[in-house]
Amino acid sequence: MAEGNHKNWRELCSAALEARDPDELLTIVQDLKKVLKCEEQVRRDFREATRANKFPGEIRY
């Protein structure tokens, strides 16, 4: 995926369904993996920030 051409996971899934070339499909699936991993990290960071704000000053071990 080109740097300026960011797609979301839905667009990548659609592109994977339409891909006819195995190399193109592999590239799309690799891009999809990166996007999903990034999205997972954003969600994890959000949950941690939400917990930290819910209990400010609390020390967790």
C-alpha atoms as a PDB file:
ATOM      1  CA  MET A   1       0.000   0.000   0.000  1.00  0.00           C
ATOM      2  CA  ALA A   2       1.457   3.341  -0.970  1.00  0.00           C
ATOM      3  CA  GLU A   3       2.138   5.812   1.827  1.00  0.00           C
ATOM      4  CA  GLY A   4      -0.494   8.316   0.700  1.00  0.00           C
ATOM      5  CA  ASN A   5      -3.057   5.619  -0.058  1.00  0.00           C
ATOM      6  CA  HIS A   6      -4.405   4.577   3.348  1.00  0.00           C
ATOM      7  CA  LYS A   7      -7.402   2.264   3.259  1.00  0.00           C
ATOM      8  CA  ASN A   8      -9.546   0.893   6.024  1.00  0.00           C
ATOM      9  CA  TRP A   9     -10.072  -2.808   6.624  1.00  0.00           C
ATOM     10  CA  ARG A  10     -13.421  -2.830   4.823  1.00  0.00           C
ATOM     11  CA  GLU A  11     -11.903  -1.410   1.641  1.00  0.00           C
ATOM     12  CA  LEU A  12      -9.063  -3.914   1.836  1.00  0.00           C
ATOM     13  CA  CYS A  13     -11.486  -6.820   2.292  1.00  0.00           C
ATOM     14  CA  SER A  14     -13.437  -5.700  -0.758  1.00  0.00           C
ATOM     15  CA  ALA A  15     -10.227  -5.388  -2.746  1.00  0.00           C
ATOM     16  CA  ALA A  16      -9.199  -8.895  -1.651  1.00  0.00           C
ATOM     17  CA  LEU A  17     -12.497 -10.300  -2.913  1.00  0.00           C
ATOM     18  CA  GLU A  18     -11.954  -8.670  -6.302  1.00  0.00           C
ATOM     19  CA  ALA A  19      -8.250  -9.534  -6.649  1.00  0.00           C
ATOM     20  CA  ARG A  20      -7.467 -11.965  -9.455  1.00  0.00           C
ATOM     21  CA  ASP A  21      -3.687 -11.995  -9.242  1.00  0.00           C
ATOM     22  CA  PRO A  22      -2.212 -14.056  -6.361  1.00  0.00           C
ATOM     23  CA  ASP A  23       0.589 -11.527  -5.828  1.00  0.00           C
ATOM     24  CA  GLU A  24      -1.925  -8.692  -5.633  1.00  0.00           C
ATOM     25  CA  LEU A  25      -4.002 -10.693  -3.158  1.00  0.00           C
ATOM     26  CA  LEU A  26      -0.949 -11.351  -0.993  1.00  0.00           C
ATOM     27  CA  THR A  27      -0.126  -7.645  -0.918  1.00  0.00           C
ATOM     28  CA  ILE A  28      -3.702  -6.776   0.047  1.00  0.00           C
ATOM     29  CA  VAL A  29      -3.743  -9.384   2.823  1.00  0.00           C
ATOM     30  CA  GLN A  30      -0.432  -8.086   4.183  1.00  0.00           C
ATOM     31  CA  ASP A  31      -1.828  -4.548   4.178  1.00  0.00           C
ATOM     32  CA  LEU A  32      -4.979  -5.793   5.894  1.00  0.00           C
ATOM     33  CA  LYS A  33      -2.904  -7.418   8.613  1.00  0.00           C
ATOM     34  CA  LYS A  34      -1.058  -4.130   9.237  1.00  0.00           C
ATOM     35  CA  VAL A  35      -4.286  -2.122   9.379  1.00  0.00           C
ATOM     36  CA  LEU A  36      -5.948  -4.553  11.797  1.00  0.00           C
ATOM     37  CA  LYS A  37      -2.877  -4.654  14.023  1.00  0.00           C
ATOM     38  CA  CYS A  38      -2.785  -0.856  14.151  1.00  0.00           C
ATOM     39  CA  GLU A  39      -6.500  -0.676  14.908  1.00  0.00           C
ATOM     40  CA  GLU A  40      -6.075  -3.227  17.691  1.00  0.00           C
ATOM     41  CA  GLN A  41      -3.313  -1.105  19.243  1.00  0.00           C
ATOM     42  CA  VAL A  42      -5.458   2.027  19.075  1.00  0.00           C
ATOM     43  CA  ARG A  43      -8.281   0.220  20.864  1.00  0.00           C
ATOM     44  CA  ARG A  44      -5.900  -1.148  23.503  1.00  0.00           C
ATOM     45  CA  ASP A  45      -4.428   2.318  24.107  1.00  0.00           C
ATOM     46  CA  PHE A  46      -7.933   3.780  24.385  1.00  0.00           C
ATOM     47  CA  ARG A  47      -8.980   1.173  26.957  1.00  0.00           C
ATOM     48  CA  GLU A  48      -5.854   1.811  29.016  1.00  0.00           C
ATOM     49  CA  ALA A  49      -6.362   5.573  28.872  1.00  0.00           C
ATOM     50  CA  THR A  50      -9.998   5.170  29.870  1.00  0.00           C
ATOM     51  CA  ARG A  51      -9.033   3.033  32.862  1.00  0.00           C
ATOM     52  CA  ALA A  52      -6.335   5.505  33.888  1.00  0.00           C
ATOM     53  CA  ASN A  53      -8.799   8.402  33.745  1.00  0.00           C
ATOM     54  CA  LYS A  54     -11.467   6.457  35.621  1.00  0.00           C
ATOM     55  CA  PHE A  55      -9.204   5.985  38.635  1.00  0.00           C
ATOM     56  CA  PRO A  56      -6.772   8.946  38.689  1.00  0.00           C
ATOM     57  CA  GLY A  57      -4.070   8.676  41.288  1.00  0.00           C
ATOM     58  CA  GLU A  58      -4.649   4.985  41.864  1.00  0.00           C
ATOM     59  CA  ILE A  59      -1.517   2.863  41.882  1.00  0.00           C
ATOM     60  CA  ARG A  60      -1.842  -0.406  39.985  1.00  0.00           C
ATOM     61  CA  TYR A  61       0.520  -3.300  40.147  1.00  0.00           C
END
